Protein backbone atom coordinates (compact mmCIF):
# COMPACT_ATOMS: atom_id res chain seq x y z
CA MET A 1 -19.69 -35.87 20.06
CA SER A 2 -22.91 -33.57 18.62
CA SER A 3 -26.48 -34.44 18.30
CA ALA A 4 -28.06 -34.09 15.13
CA SER A 5 -30.47 -31.81 16.84
CA GLU A 6 -28.07 -28.73 18.52
CA PRO A 7 -28.17 -26.55 16.26
CA GLN A 8 -23.88 -26.29 14.48
CA ALA A 9 -22.38 -22.73 14.10
CA THR A 10 -22.03 -21.79 11.26
CA VAL A 11 -18.44 -19.45 10.33
CA PRO A 12 -19.45 -17.14 7.47
CA ALA A 13 -17.48 -17.22 4.54
CA VAL A 14 -15.24 -14.15 4.45
CA PRO A 15 -14.28 -12.78 8.01
CA THR A 16 -16.05 -9.95 9.45
CA PRO A 17 -14.02 -6.66 10.22
CA SER A 18 -14.11 -7.65 13.60
CA ASP A 19 -12.00 -10.31 12.78
CA VAL A 20 -9.63 -8.63 10.25
CA ARG A 21 -9.53 -6.19 13.15
CA ALA A 22 -8.73 -8.90 15.87
CA ALA A 23 -6.17 -11.30 13.52
CA TYR A 24 -4.66 -6.78 12.27
CA ARG A 25 -4.09 -6.58 16.58
CA GLU A 26 -2.74 -10.20 18.34
CA GLY A 27 -1.51 -11.39 14.75
CA LEU A 28 1.25 -8.98 13.83
CA GLY A 29 3.77 -7.13 15.81
CA PRO A 30 4.27 -3.07 15.36
CA ARG A 31 6.82 -3.76 12.62
CA GLU A 32 4.85 -5.83 10.17
CA ARG A 33 1.95 -3.70 10.86
CA ALA A 34 4.61 -0.61 10.11
CA VAL A 35 5.61 -3.63 6.86
CA LEU A 36 2.09 -3.94 6.16
CA TRP A 37 1.07 0.20 5.94
CA SER A 38 4.73 1.03 4.06
CA TRP A 39 3.43 -1.56 1.56
CA THR A 40 -0.21 -0.53 1.58
CA GLY A 41 1.05 3.30 1.22
CA PHE A 42 2.91 1.93 -1.65
CA THR A 43 0.37 0.00 -3.27
CA ALA A 44 -2.57 2.00 -3.12
CA THR A 45 -0.78 4.90 -3.73
CA PHE A 46 1.02 3.26 -6.88
CA ALA A 47 -2.15 1.67 -8.57
CA GLY A 48 -3.98 5.43 -7.82
CA VAL A 49 -0.60 7.79 -9.44
CA ARG A 50 -0.94 5.31 -13.02
CA GLY A 51 -4.34 6.11 -13.23
CA ILE A 52 -4.22 9.71 -12.67
CA THR A 53 -1.26 9.91 -15.06
CA HIS A 54 -2.63 7.62 -17.87
CA SER A 55 -6.48 10.40 -16.81
CA ILE A 56 -4.30 13.66 -17.87
CA ARG A 57 -2.04 12.06 -20.76
CA ARG A 58 -5.56 10.71 -21.99
CA GLY A 59 -7.00 14.24 -21.06
CA GLY A 60 -9.79 12.86 -19.58
CA GLY A 61 -11.45 13.58 -16.50
CA PRO A 62 -10.61 16.10 -13.34
CA PHE A 63 -7.01 16.05 -12.60
CA ARG A 64 -4.11 18.39 -14.83
CA ASN A 65 -0.65 18.39 -14.58
CA VAL A 66 0.38 20.94 -11.77
CA SER A 67 3.10 23.94 -12.93
CA VAL A 68 4.66 26.58 -11.09
CA GLY A 69 6.01 29.15 -13.28
CA GLY A 70 5.63 27.32 -16.13
CA ALA A 71 7.97 24.51 -15.03
CA HIS A 72 5.68 21.28 -14.46
CA LEU A 73 5.69 20.00 -10.87
CA HIS A 74 6.57 15.80 -11.65
CA HIS A 75 5.23 14.08 -8.62
CA TYR A 76 8.52 12.42 -7.69
CA LEU A 77 8.56 15.64 -5.90
CA TRP A 78 5.80 15.29 -3.56
CA GLY A 79 7.50 11.57 -2.36
CA ILE A 80 11.03 13.19 -1.43
CA GLY A 81 8.96 16.21 0.27
CA LEU A 82 6.48 12.94 1.68
CA LEU A 83 10.53 10.81 2.62
CA ALA A 84 12.09 13.85 4.37
CA GLY A 85 8.68 14.75 6.91
CA VAL A 86 9.35 10.56 7.22
CA GLY A 87 12.92 11.36 8.10
CA ALA A 88 11.82 14.11 10.28
CA VAL A 89 9.68 12.51 12.55
CA ALA A 90 12.40 9.34 12.58
CA VAL A 91 14.69 11.94 13.28
CA ARG A 92 13.13 13.99 15.48
CA GLY A 93 9.16 11.88 17.00
CA THR A 94 9.02 10.30 19.74
CA ASP A 95 8.91 6.46 20.16
CA ARG A 96 4.84 6.80 20.19
CA THR A 97 4.98 8.96 16.82
CA ARG A 98 7.77 7.11 15.21
CA ARG A 99 5.69 4.42 15.12
CA HIS A 100 2.46 5.90 14.15
CA PRO A 101 0.52 3.99 11.10
CA LEU A 102 0.56 7.58 9.03
CA VAL A 103 4.49 7.20 8.97
CA ALA A 104 4.69 3.88 7.11
CA LEU A 105 1.89 5.13 5.42
CA ALA A 106 3.35 8.10 4.38
CA TYR A 107 6.88 6.41 3.23
CA GLY A 108 5.35 3.94 1.40
CA SER A 109 3.68 6.43 -0.83
CA GLY A 110 6.26 8.33 -1.11
CA LEU A 111 8.33 5.58 -2.66
CA ALA A 112 5.76 5.03 -4.47
CA LEU A 113 6.40 8.86 -5.50
CA ILE A 114 9.25 8.55 -6.40
CA VAL A 115 9.52 4.98 -8.07
CA ASP A 116 7.24 5.92 -10.43
CA GLU A 117 9.04 8.44 -12.15
CA PHE A 118 11.98 6.54 -11.80
CA ALA A 119 12.13 6.65 -15.23
CA LEU A 120 12.82 10.43 -15.66
CA LEU A 121 15.30 10.47 -12.86
CA LEU A 122 17.81 8.42 -15.08
CA ASP A 123 16.94 10.63 -17.98
CA LEU A 124 15.27 8.16 -19.50
CA LYS A 125 12.78 10.35 -21.21
CA ASP A 126 12.57 8.69 -24.75
CA VAL A 127 10.71 5.76 -23.62
CA TYR A 128 9.58 6.97 -20.62
CA TRP A 129 6.30 7.33 -22.39
CA GLU A 130 6.51 4.35 -25.58
CA ARG A 131 3.73 2.69 -24.90
CA GLU A 132 5.88 -1.32 -24.04
CA GLY A 133 8.06 1.00 -22.11
CA ARG A 134 5.09 1.95 -19.73
CA ILE A 135 3.44 -1.14 -19.61
CA SER A 136 6.61 -3.59 -18.12
CA VAL A 137 6.85 -1.17 -15.25
CA ASP A 138 3.29 -0.89 -14.38
CA LEU A 139 3.41 -4.03 -14.17
CA GLY A 140 6.42 -5.19 -12.84
CA VAL A 141 6.46 -2.13 -10.52
CA GLY A 142 2.39 -3.36 -9.84
CA LEU A 143 3.54 -6.69 -9.57
CA VAL A 144 6.15 -6.30 -6.75
CA ALA A 145 3.64 -4.23 -4.92
CA ALA A 146 0.94 -6.23 -4.73
CA GLY A 147 3.29 -8.75 -3.93
CA GLY A 148 5.15 -7.37 -1.23
CA THR A 149 1.43 -6.60 0.16
CA SER A 150 0.45 -9.92 0.11
CA PHE A 151 3.62 -10.74 2.25
CA SER A 152 3.33 -8.16 4.76
CA ALA A 153 0.18 -9.26 5.32
CA LEU A 154 0.73 -13.22 5.99
CA PRO A 155 0.56 -13.23 9.22
CA MET A 156 -3.04 -11.88 9.75
CA LEU A 157 -3.84 -13.55 6.81
CA ARG A 158 -2.63 -17.59 8.39
CA ARG A 159 -3.74 -15.79 12.22
CA LEU A 160 -7.84 -15.34 9.93
CA ARG A 161 -7.32 -18.54 8.36
CA ALA A 162 -7.01 -20.93 11.23
CA ASP A 163 -10.22 -18.87 13.33
CA ARG A 164 -11.94 -19.63 10.33
CA ARG A 165 -10.58 -23.43 10.41
CA ARG A 166 -11.63 -23.20 14.01
CA GLY A 167 -14.87 -22.19 13.53
CA GLY A 168 -14.52 -18.34 13.97
CA ARG A 169 -13.62 -19.17 17.96
CA ARG A 170 -10.61 -17.05 19.02
CA ARG A 171 -7.94 -18.43 20.88
């Protein structure tokens, strides 16, 4: 039983970076970490590409389309390149190399670059930039990306919540 004169340990409302690192290392196995990095790469890349693409379409910002010999290079090409690199690591890399977080991050990023231009790959050019079509696609993929990232982080988030409930003490 604690007396009124004993100081009570205060737990910060927000987990500290060391709390997050501990939950990441101790709460996620190698596969769960790879899934989290993949979804994080997908979500961040998709959001970034949407912002850059809209900036290019508006004619503002520092970004411009990339062309070679007058032919526009769509960003799904960079996504295919990233996925080819990930495939090469998967086929030829060591187990340690395959498990590196950058491999999972590259996989998610490459996939986002392809998914973002999926309508072009299906030859749906007429609806690709229609306002209603783009908004629904952006929201749909964005929500899936955010949901996947959130669900893949659940074990780590549960660990952080349990640590907070125990007063910040780790097991």
